[in-house]
Structures are given as structure tokens and as C-alpha cells.
């Protein structure tokens, strides 16, 4: 992506960018050579940022911060974070419920990155000792699919401005989905929409919900479908 962006810029602009980054010996370079140099510099900066994030998010003491690689188990943990009242948390691995495979997240990591219950975390775990019941998160690599430093600057969900859905979800799937066709006509829905189905018992609410879920999965495969059954 960056390569295409650099290729779209004039040579003079590229040289100005290179000078601003402190790169030397660029005056005689051709455009292709300069682009290659800029991409190499981008990679160096990304690597330095990853190392910085790794040290920032490391669940270690000050003396161990430079020995992160020695403490790394090589196992990547990924799951939903639950922050407990005492300040620490766990990455839940078994159907979002407490289990033996949960990964401990320290209070310092939660404070540094302003982590909240419901965040999707990804990172490596530290080598587990015999005394530890749970594996512990050594460092973070992703927060909700974003780089940790980018996620650090995110706004609180409660402070964000709500907007109306602007991308429609089509539910009709072929000639057999009469109910979904009716929903599309009478009560169209979009991404971000909230809805409520009110009906007497045994009227077909569950069947309708199943059809909606199947239609969303078929017509919008990019959507992560999650169903929570309360008091069922």
C-alpha cells in the first residue's frame, strides 16, 4: 500500500520526504531506488515500534524487560477480555466463560492500554511456572484488530456520537425466504441497528430469529455472528 502511494508522488516530493526523515545520499537516486529506501525505512520504524509496544505492554519487572524473548512461551493467546473488580483480568477462551485455558492479564497492562471488558486481545503468553494456575499475557500485539499504540488513542465508546445505520443488510435469500422478504419490505435493517421482536408465546419468534441469522450469514459473510440467549 505504501509502495503504491510513493509511486504516485513526484520525485521531488519523495526527496523532500526522505530529507525530512534524515536519509542521506538521496540526491543522485532514481525514483525506484528512493522508493525502495523509503520502504526499508518504513520497515525499520515498524520494527522499532513493535519492540517499543512489546516492552510497554510486557508483564515483567524492570530487570526482566530486556529479557522478554527469554520469557516468551511462543504461544499466542486470543480472546475476549473480562476485567474483574480487583483490576486484573482474563482472556476468556471457553465460550466466553471462565475456564482452565484462560490467560491472566495484569492490572498494569489494563491501565497502560485502557483495556475494557469486551476488548478482543491478541498477544504472546509468558512461560508458565509450576506454581501458576493460569498462563499470563507477556505482551500485547493486537487490540480489537488494531496496533496497541493506535488502540491506545481510541475514544471511549460512551463518549462517541451515535449515528443512524448507513449500510443496509439484505435478508432475502432466494424464493423460499418469504418471511425475510417481508422483513426487508416492512422493517428493513442495517449495520448498527437495534430491533425488538414482540409476540405471544409459540408464535415463531425463535424461527424468525434463526432465519435472520442464516440470512445475515449467507448475504454478509464478513459479519461475525454472535447470539446471546438470555433466560432461555
C-alpha atoms as a PDB file:
ATOM      1  CA  UNK A   1       0.000   0.000   0.000  1.00  0.00           C
ATOM      2  CA  UNK A   2       2.782   2.427   0.889  1.00  0.00           C
ATOM      3  CA  UNK A   3       4.644   1.454  -2.284  1.00  0.00           C
ATOM      4  CA  UNK A   4       1.681   2.496  -4.427  1.00  0.00           C
ATOM      5  CA  UNK A   5       1.430   5.761  -2.500  1.00  0.00           C
ATOM      6  CA  UNK A   6       5.134   6.523  -3.026  1.00  0.00           C
ATOM      7  CA  UNK A   7       4.890   5.654  -6.719  1.00  0.00           C
ATOM      8  CA  UNK A   8       2.098   8.208  -7.140  1.00  0.00           C
ATOM      9  CA  UNK A   9       4.292  11.036  -5.793  1.00  0.00           C
ATOM     10  CA  UNK A  10       6.690  13.128  -7.916  1.00  0.00           C
ATOM     11  CA  UNK A  11      10.416  12.527  -7.437  1.00  0.00           C
ATOM     12  CA  UNK A  12      10.900  15.996  -5.915  1.00  0.00           C
ATOM     13  CA  UNK A  13       8.247  15.312  -3.264  1.00  0.00           C
ATOM     14  CA  UNK A  14       9.819  11.948  -2.459  1.00  0.00           C
ATOM     15  CA  UNK A  15      13.197  13.613  -1.952  1.00  0.00           C
ATOM     16  CA  UNK A  16      11.632  16.173   0.395  1.00  0.00           C
ATOM     17  CA  UNK A  17      10.074  13.354   2.433  1.00  0.00           C
ATOM     18  CA  UNK A  18      13.381  11.491   2.532  1.00  0.00           C
ATOM     19  CA  UNK A  19      15.234  14.623   3.712  1.00  0.00           C
ATOM     20  CA  UNK A  20      12.646  15.175   6.448  1.00  0.00           C
ATOM     21  CA  UNK A  21      13.330  11.634   7.670  1.00  0.00           C
ATOM     22  CA  UNK A  22      17.070  12.285   7.744  1.00  0.00           C
ATOM     23  CA  UNK A  23      18.020   9.935   4.902  1.00  0.00           C
ATOM     24  CA  UNK A  24      21.407  10.584   3.287  1.00  0.00           C
ATOM     25  CA  UNK A  25      22.755  10.233  -0.254  1.00  0.00           C
ATOM     26  CA  UNK A  26      19.427  10.691  -1.982  1.00  0.00           C
ATOM     27  CA  UNK A  27      20.297  13.481  -4.420  1.00  0.00           C
ATOM     28  CA  UNK A  28      21.501  11.138  -7.193  1.00  0.00           C
ATOM     29  CA  UNK A  29      18.961   8.375  -6.620  1.00  0.00           C
ATOM     30  CA  UNK A  30      16.393   7.386  -9.206  1.00  0.00           C
ATOM     31  CA  UNK A  31      12.733   7.201  -8.199  1.00  0.00           C
ATOM     32  CA  UNK A  32      12.683   3.387  -7.899  1.00  0.00           C
ATOM     33  CA  UNK A  33      15.806   3.417  -5.695  1.00  0.00           C
ATOM     34  CA  UNK A  34      14.373   6.141  -3.479  1.00  0.00           C
ATOM     35  CA  UNK A  35      11.077   4.264  -3.074  1.00  0.00           C
ATOM     36  CA  UNK A  36      12.997   1.133  -2.063  1.00  0.00           C
ATOM     37  CA  UNK A  37      14.955   3.139   0.520  1.00  0.00           C
ATOM     38  CA  UNK A  38      11.751   4.683   1.917  1.00  0.00           C
ATOM     39  CA  UNK A  39      10.125   1.255   2.230  1.00  0.00           C
ATOM     40  CA  UNK A  40      13.178  -0.073   4.086  1.00  0.00           C
ATOM     41  CA  UNK A  41      12.977   2.887   6.463  1.00  0.00           C
ATOM     42  CA  UNK A  42       9.251   2.224   6.988  1.00  0.00           C
ATOM     43  CA  UNK A  43      10.031  -1.373   7.917  1.00  0.00           C
ATOM     44  CA  UNK A  44      12.713  -0.254  10.405  1.00  0.00           C
ATOM     45  CA  UNK A  45      10.274   2.162  12.044  1.00  0.00           C
ATOM     46  CA  UNK A  46       7.567  -0.507  12.276  1.00  0.00           C
ATOM     47  CA  UNK A  47      10.018  -2.950  13.847  1.00  0.00           C
ATOM     48  CA  UNK A  48      11.149  -0.327  16.367  1.00  0.00           C
ATOM     49  CA  UNK A  49       7.526   0.472  17.209  1.00  0.00           C
ATOM     50  CA  UNK A  50       6.708  -3.217  17.686  1.00  0.00           C
ATOM     51  CA  UNK A  51       9.649  -3.604  20.065  1.00  0.00           C
ATOM     52  CA  UNK A  52       8.567  -0.483  21.942  1.00  0.00           C
ATOM     53  CA  UNK A  53       4.997  -1.775  22.276  1.00  0.00           C
ATOM     54  CA  UNK A  54       6.323  -5.164  23.367  1.00  0.00           C
ATOM     55  CA  UNK A  55       8.334  -3.546  26.177  1.00  0.00           C
ATOM     56  CA  UNK A  56       5.480  -1.197  27.114  1.00  0.00           C
ATOM     57  CA  UNK A  57       2.952  -3.998  27.425  1.00  0.00           C
ATOM     58  CA  UNK A  58       5.320  -6.526  28.954  1.00  0.00           C
ATOM     59  CA  UNK A  59       4.094  -8.182  32.137  1.00  0.00           C
ATOM     60  CA  UNK A  60       7.570  -8.249  33.696  1.00  0.00           C
ATOM     61  CA  UNK A  61       9.635  -6.476  36.297  1.00  0.00           C
ATOM     62  CA  UNK A  62      12.056  -3.694  35.312  1.00  0.00           C
ATOM     63  CA  UNK A  63      15.029  -6.077  35.395  1.00  0.00           C
ATOM     64  CA  UNK A  64      13.298  -8.530  33.075  1.00  0.00           C
ATOM     65  CA  UNK A  65      12.083  -6.042  30.463  1.00  0.00           C
ATOM     66  CA  UNK A  66      15.072  -6.687  28.192  1.00  0.00           C
ATOM     67  CA  UNK A  67      14.680 -10.470  28.518  1.00  0.00           C
ATOM     68  CA  UNK A  68      11.192 -10.616  27.012  1.00  0.00           C
ATOM     69  CA  UNK A  69      12.210 -13.106  24.337  1.00  0.00           C
ATOM     70  CA  UNK A  70      13.553 -15.476  27.018  1.00  0.00           C
ATOM     71  CA  UNK A  71      10.220 -15.344  28.859  1.00  0.00           C
ATOM     72  CA  UNK A  72       8.142 -15.809  25.693  1.00  0.00           C
ATOM     73  CA  UNK A  73       6.435 -19.208  25.542  1.00  0.00           C
ATOM     74  CA  UNK A  74       5.834 -18.851  21.797  1.00  0.00           C
ATOM     75  CA  UNK A  75       2.104 -19.424  22.369  1.00  0.00           C
ATOM     76  CA  UNK A  76      -0.285 -16.770  21.047  1.00  0.00           C
ATOM     77  CA  UNK A  77      -3.439 -16.126  23.064  1.00  0.00           C
ATOM     78  CA  UNK A  78      -6.535 -14.588  21.505  1.00  0.00           C
ATOM     79  CA  UNK A  79      -9.935 -13.972  23.032  1.00  0.00           C
ATOM     80  CA  UNK A  80     -12.363 -11.672  24.820  1.00  0.00           C
ATOM     81  CA  UNK A  81     -11.108  -9.765  27.863  1.00  0.00           C
ATOM     82  CA  UNK A  82     -13.047  -9.716  31.111  1.00  0.00           C
ATOM     83  CA  UNK A  83     -11.824  -7.119  33.616  1.00  0.00           C
ATOM     84  CA  UNK A  84     -12.612  -8.054  37.221  1.00  0.00           C
ATOM     85  CA  UNK A  85     -13.387  -5.593  40.068  1.00  0.00           C
ATOM     86  CA  UNK A  86      -9.887  -6.042  41.567  1.00  0.00           C
ATOM     87  CA  UNK A  87      -8.268  -4.512  38.457  1.00  0.00           C
ATOM     88  CA  UNK A  88      -6.824  -7.591  36.782  1.00  0.00           C
ATOM     89  CA  UNK A  89      -8.499  -9.560  34.017  1.00  0.00           C
ATOM     90  CA  UNK A  90      -8.603 -12.745  31.977  1.00  0.00           C
ATOM     91  CA  UNK A  91      -8.734 -13.536  28.281  1.00  0.00           C
ATOM     92  CA  UNK A  92     -11.651 -15.959  28.199  1.00  0.00           C
ATOM     93  CA  UNK A  93     -11.143 -18.869  25.849  1.00  0.00           C
ATOM     94  CA  UNK A  94     -14.012 -21.310  26.508  1.00  0.00           C
ATOM     95  CA  UNK A  95     -17.249 -19.857  25.127  1.00  0.00           C
ATOM     96  CA  UNK A  96     -16.622 -16.524  26.912  1.00  0.00           C
ATOM     97  CA  UNK A  97     -16.906 -18.240  30.313  1.00  0.00           C
ATOM     98  CA  UNK A  98     -14.214 -18.858  32.983  1.00  0.00           C
ATOM     99  CA  UNK A  99     -12.112 -21.930  32.201  1.00  0.00           C
ATOM    100  CA  UNK A 100      -8.748 -23.598  32.739  1.00  0.00           C
ATOM    101  CA  UNK A 101      -7.340 -22.207  29.476  1.00  0.00           C
ATOM    102  CA  UNK A 102      -7.920 -18.549  30.396  1.00  0.00           C
ATOM    103  CA  UNK A 103      -4.961 -16.160  30.217  1.00  0.00           C
ATOM    104  CA  UNK A 104      -4.234 -13.726  33.061  1.00  0.00           C
ATOM    105  CA  UNK A 105      -3.888 -10.015  32.187  1.00  0.00           C
ATOM    106  CA  UNK A 106      -2.145  -7.862  34.794  1.00  0.00           C
ATOM    107  CA  UNK A 107      -3.594  -4.580  36.162  1.00  0.00           C
ATOM    108  CA  UNK A 108      -0.610  -2.633  34.762  1.00  0.00           C
ATOM    109  CA  UNK A 109      -1.336  -3.861  31.224  1.00  0.00           C
ATOM    110  CA  UNK A 110      -5.010  -2.951  31.617  1.00  0.00           C
ATOM    111  CA  UNK A 111      -4.134   0.561  32.842  1.00  0.00           C
ATOM    112  CA  UNK A 112      -1.450   1.243  30.216  1.00  0.00           C
ATOM    113  CA  UNK A 113      -3.720   0.474  27.283  1.00  0.00           C
ATOM    114  CA  UNK A 114      -7.050   1.473  28.872  1.00  0.00           C
ATOM    115  CA  UNK A 115      -8.407  -2.023  28.290  1.00  0.00           C
ATOM    116  CA  UNK A 116     -12.061  -2.752  28.931  1.00  0.00           C
ATOM    117  CA  UNK A 117     -14.280  -5.789  29.243  1.00  0.00           C
ATOM    118  CA  UNK A 118     -15.196  -6.966  25.761  1.00  0.00           C
ATOM    119  CA  UNK A 119     -11.908  -5.995  24.085  1.00  0.00           C
ATOM    120  CA  UNK A 120     -10.543  -8.673  21.759  1.00  0.00           C
ATOM    121  CA  UNK A 121      -6.894  -9.163  22.709  1.00  0.00           C
ATOM    122  CA  UNK A 122      -4.084 -10.979  20.970  1.00  0.00           C
ATOM    123  CA  UNK A 123      -0.593 -11.469  22.342  1.00  0.00           C
ATOM    124  CA  UNK A 124       2.024 -13.945  23.467  1.00  0.00           C
ATOM    125  CA  UNK A 125       1.980 -15.641  26.849  1.00  0.00           C
ATOM    126  CA  UNK A 126       4.940 -15.969  29.178  1.00  0.00           C
ATOM    127  CA  UNK A 127       6.450 -19.308  30.158  1.00  0.00           C
ATOM    128  CA  UNK A 128       4.246 -20.817  32.856  1.00  0.00           C
ATOM    129  CA  UNK A 129       5.748 -21.888  36.171  1.00  0.00           C
ATOM    130  CA  UNK A 130       4.570 -24.867  38.220  1.00  0.00           C
ATOM    131  CA  UNK A 131       3.047 -22.571  40.845  1.00  0.00           C
ATOM    132  CA  UNK A 132       0.876 -20.668  38.352  1.00  0.00           C
ATOM    133  CA  UNK A 133      -2.659 -21.897  37.708  1.00  0.00           C
ATOM    134  CA  UNK A 134      -3.162 -19.739  34.602  1.00  0.00           C
ATOM    135  CA  UNK A 135      -0.879 -18.647  31.793  1.00  0.00           C
ATOM    136  CA  UNK A 136      -0.111 -14.914  31.879  1.00  0.00           C
ATOM    137  CA  UNK A 137      -0.068 -12.465  28.983  1.00  0.00           C
ATOM    138  CA  UNK A 138       3.528 -11.412  28.318  1.00  0.00           C
ATOM    139  CA  UNK A 139       2.882  -8.666  25.771  1.00  0.00           C
ATOM    140  CA  UNK A 140       0.108  -7.403  23.523  1.00  0.00           C
ATOM    141  CA  UNK A 141       0.276  -7.481  19.742  1.00  0.00           C
ATOM    142  CA  UNK A 142      -3.322  -6.564  18.833  1.00  0.00           C
ATOM    143  CA  UNK A 143      -6.296  -4.857  20.487  1.00  0.00           C
ATOM    144  CA  UNK A 144      -9.558  -5.269  18.576  1.00  0.00           C
ATOM    145  CA  UNK A 145      -7.511  -5.977  15.465  1.00  0.00           C
ATOM    146  CA  UNK A 146      -5.510  -2.740  15.810  1.00  0.00           C
ATOM    147  CA  UNK A 147      -1.916  -1.990  16.727  1.00  0.00           C
ATOM    148  CA  UNK A 148      -1.776  -1.378  20.506  1.00  0.00           C
ATOM    149  CA  UNK A 149      -0.480   2.199  20.124  1.00  0.00           C
ATOM    150  CA  UNK A 150      -3.353   3.028  17.786  1.00  0.00           C
ATOM    151  CA  UNK A 151      -5.880   1.438  20.126  1.00  0.00           C
ATOM    152  CA  UNK A 152      -4.425   3.486  22.978  1.00  0.00           C
ATOM    153  CA  UNK A 153      -5.719   6.669  21.310  1.00  0.00           C
ATOM    154  CA  UNK A 154      -9.270   5.405  20.799  1.00  0.00           C
ATOM    155  CA  UNK A 155     -12.252   7.281  22.214  1.00  0.00           C
ATOM    156  CA  UNK A 156     -14.434   5.876  24.948  1.00  0.00           C
ATOM    157  CA  UNK A 157     -17.481   4.210  23.437  1.00  0.00           C
ATOM    158  CA  UNK A 158     -19.735   6.135  25.834  1.00  0.00           C
ATOM    159  CA  UNK A 159     -18.364   9.465  24.519  1.00  0.00           C
ATOM    160  CA  UNK A 160     -18.879   8.689  20.828  1.00  0.00           C
ATOM    161  CA  UNK A 161     -21.709  10.267  18.819  1.00  0.00           C
ATOM    162  CA  UNK A 162     -24.381   7.769  17.754  1.00  0.00           C
ATOM    163  CA  UNK A 163     -25.249   7.783  14.054  1.00  0.00           C
ATOM    164  CA  UNK A 164     -28.028   6.198  12.056  1.00  0.00           C
ATOM    165  CA  UNK A 165     -27.212   2.963  10.192  1.00  0.00           C
ATOM    166  CA  UNK A 166     -25.963   3.801   6.693  1.00  0.00           C
ATOM    167  CA  UNK A 167     -25.305   0.298   5.314  1.00  0.00           C
ATOM    168  CA  UNK A 168     -28.302  -1.932   4.739  1.00  0.00           C
ATOM    169  CA  UNK A 169     -28.458  -5.654   5.469  1.00  0.00           C
ATOM    170  CA  UNK A 170     -30.438  -7.558   2.847  1.00  0.00           C
ATOM    171  CA  UNK A 171     -32.159 -10.597   4.341  1.00  0.00           C
ATOM    172  CA  UNK A 172     -33.915 -12.120   1.341  1.00  0.00           C
ATOM    173  CA  UNK A 173     -32.200 -15.329   0.168  1.00  0.00           C
ATOM    174  CA  UNK A 174     -33.906 -16.806  -2.866  1.00  0.00           C
ATOM    175  CA  UNK A 175     -37.571 -17.648  -3.412  1.00  0.00           C
ATOM    176  CA  UNK A 176     -38.001 -19.682  -0.212  1.00  0.00           C
ATOM    177  CA  UNK A 177     -37.366 -16.823   2.262  1.00  0.00           C
ATOM    178  CA  UNK A 178     -40.841 -15.254   2.270  1.00  0.00           C
ATOM    179  CA  UNK A 179     -40.507 -14.073   5.882  1.00  0.00           C
ATOM    180  CA  UNK A 180     -37.192 -12.371   5.133  1.00  0.00           C
ATOM    181  CA  UNK A 181     -38.684 -10.685   2.072  1.00  0.00           C
ATOM    182  CA  UNK A 182     -41.460  -9.300   4.290  1.00  0.00           C
ATOM    183  CA  UNK A 183     -38.892  -8.032   6.837  1.00  0.00           C
ATOM    184  CA  UNK A 184     -36.954  -6.345   4.020  1.00  0.00           C
ATOM    185  CA  UNK A 185     -40.129  -4.588   2.848  1.00  0.00           C
ATOM    186  CA  UNK A 186     -41.757  -3.653   6.166  1.00  0.00           C
ATOM    187  CA  UNK A 187     -38.849  -3.356   8.618  1.00  0.00           C
ATOM    188  CA  UNK A 188     -35.507  -3.040   6.798  1.00  0.00           C
ATOM    189  CA  UNK A 189     -32.416  -3.219   8.999  1.00  0.00           C
ATOM    190  CA  UNK A 190     -28.821  -2.025   8.671  1.00  0.00           C
ATOM    191  CA  UNK A 191     -25.445  -2.408  10.342  1.00  0.00           C
ATOM    192  CA  UNK A 192     -25.647  -0.903  13.813  1.00  0.00           C
ATOM    193  CA  UNK A 193     -29.430  -1.307  14.016  1.00  0.00           C
ATOM    194  CA  UNK A 194     -31.255  -2.288  17.169  1.00  0.00           C
ATOM    195  CA  UNK A 195     -34.522  -4.188  16.934  1.00  0.00           C
ATOM    196  CA  UNK A 196     -37.095  -5.943  19.071  1.00  0.00           C
ATOM    197  CA  UNK A 197     -39.455  -8.805  18.260  1.00  0.00           C
ATOM    198  CA  UNK A 198     -42.601  -8.727  20.404  1.00  0.00           C
ATOM    199  CA  UNK A 199     -45.095 -11.583  20.143  1.00  0.00           C
ATOM    200  CA  UNK A 200     -47.056 -14.065  22.267  1.00  0.00           C
ATOM    201  CA  UNK A 201     -45.517 -17.452  23.188  1.00  0.00           C
ATOM    202  CA  UNK A 202     -45.218 -20.114  20.468  1.00  0.00           C
ATOM    203  CA  UNK A 203     -45.752 -17.540  17.704  1.00  0.00           C
ATOM    204  CA  UNK A 204     -42.483 -18.285  15.914  1.00  0.00           C
ATOM    205  CA  UNK A 205     -40.009 -15.755  17.357  1.00  0.00           C
ATOM    206  CA  UNK A 206     -37.186 -18.303  17.546  1.00  0.00           C
ATOM    207  CA  UNK A 207     -37.829 -19.494  13.993  1.00  0.00           C
ATOM    208  CA  UNK A 208     -37.748 -15.912  12.733  1.00  0.00           C
ATOM    209  CA  UNK A 209     -34.501 -15.200  14.601  1.00  0.00           C
ATOM    210  CA  UNK A 210     -32.924 -18.317  13.090  1.00  0.00           C
ATOM    211  CA  UNK A 211     -33.927 -17.185   9.607  1.00  0.00           C
ATOM    212  CA  UNK A 212     -32.499 -13.706  10.223  1.00  0.00           C
ATOM    213  CA  UNK A 213     -29.215 -15.204  11.464  1.00  0.00           C
ATOM    214  CA  UNK A 214     -28.937 -17.560   8.477  1.00  0.00           C
ATOM    215  CA  UNK A 215     -29.726 -14.739   6.044  1.00  0.00           C
ATOM    216  CA  UNK A 216     -27.121 -12.436   7.581  1.00  0.00           C
ATOM    217  CA  UNK A 217     -24.508 -15.194   7.443  1.00  0.00           C
ATOM    218  CA  UNK A 218     -25.311 -16.036   3.824  1.00  0.00           C
ATOM    219  CA  UNK A 219     -25.619 -12.498   2.441  1.00  0.00           C
ATOM    220  CA  UNK A 220     -22.941 -10.852   4.606  1.00  0.00           C
ATOM    221  CA  UNK A 221     -20.144 -13.381   5.271  1.00  0.00           C
ATOM    222  CA  UNK A 222     -17.878 -10.600   6.600  1.00  0.00           C
ATOM    223  CA  UNK A 223     -20.093 -10.197   9.688  1.00  0.00           C
ATOM    224  CA  UNK A 224     -19.152 -12.014  12.893  1.00  0.00           C
ATOM    225  CA  UNK A 225     -22.402 -13.503  14.148  1.00  0.00           C
ATOM    226  CA  UNK A 226     -22.917 -13.781  17.905  1.00  0.00           C
ATOM    227  CA  UNK A 227     -26.157 -14.896  19.543  1.00  0.00           C
ATOM    228  CA  UNK A 228     -26.792 -14.429  23.267  1.00  0.00           C
ATOM    229  CA  UNK A 229     -29.792 -16.287  24.698  1.00  0.00           C
ATOM    230  CA  UNK A 230     -30.979 -14.696  27.950  1.00  0.00           C
ATOM    231  CA  UNK A 231     -33.359 -16.641  30.212  1.00  0.00           C
ATOM    232  CA  UNK A 232     -33.715 -19.367  27.576  1.00  0.00           C
END
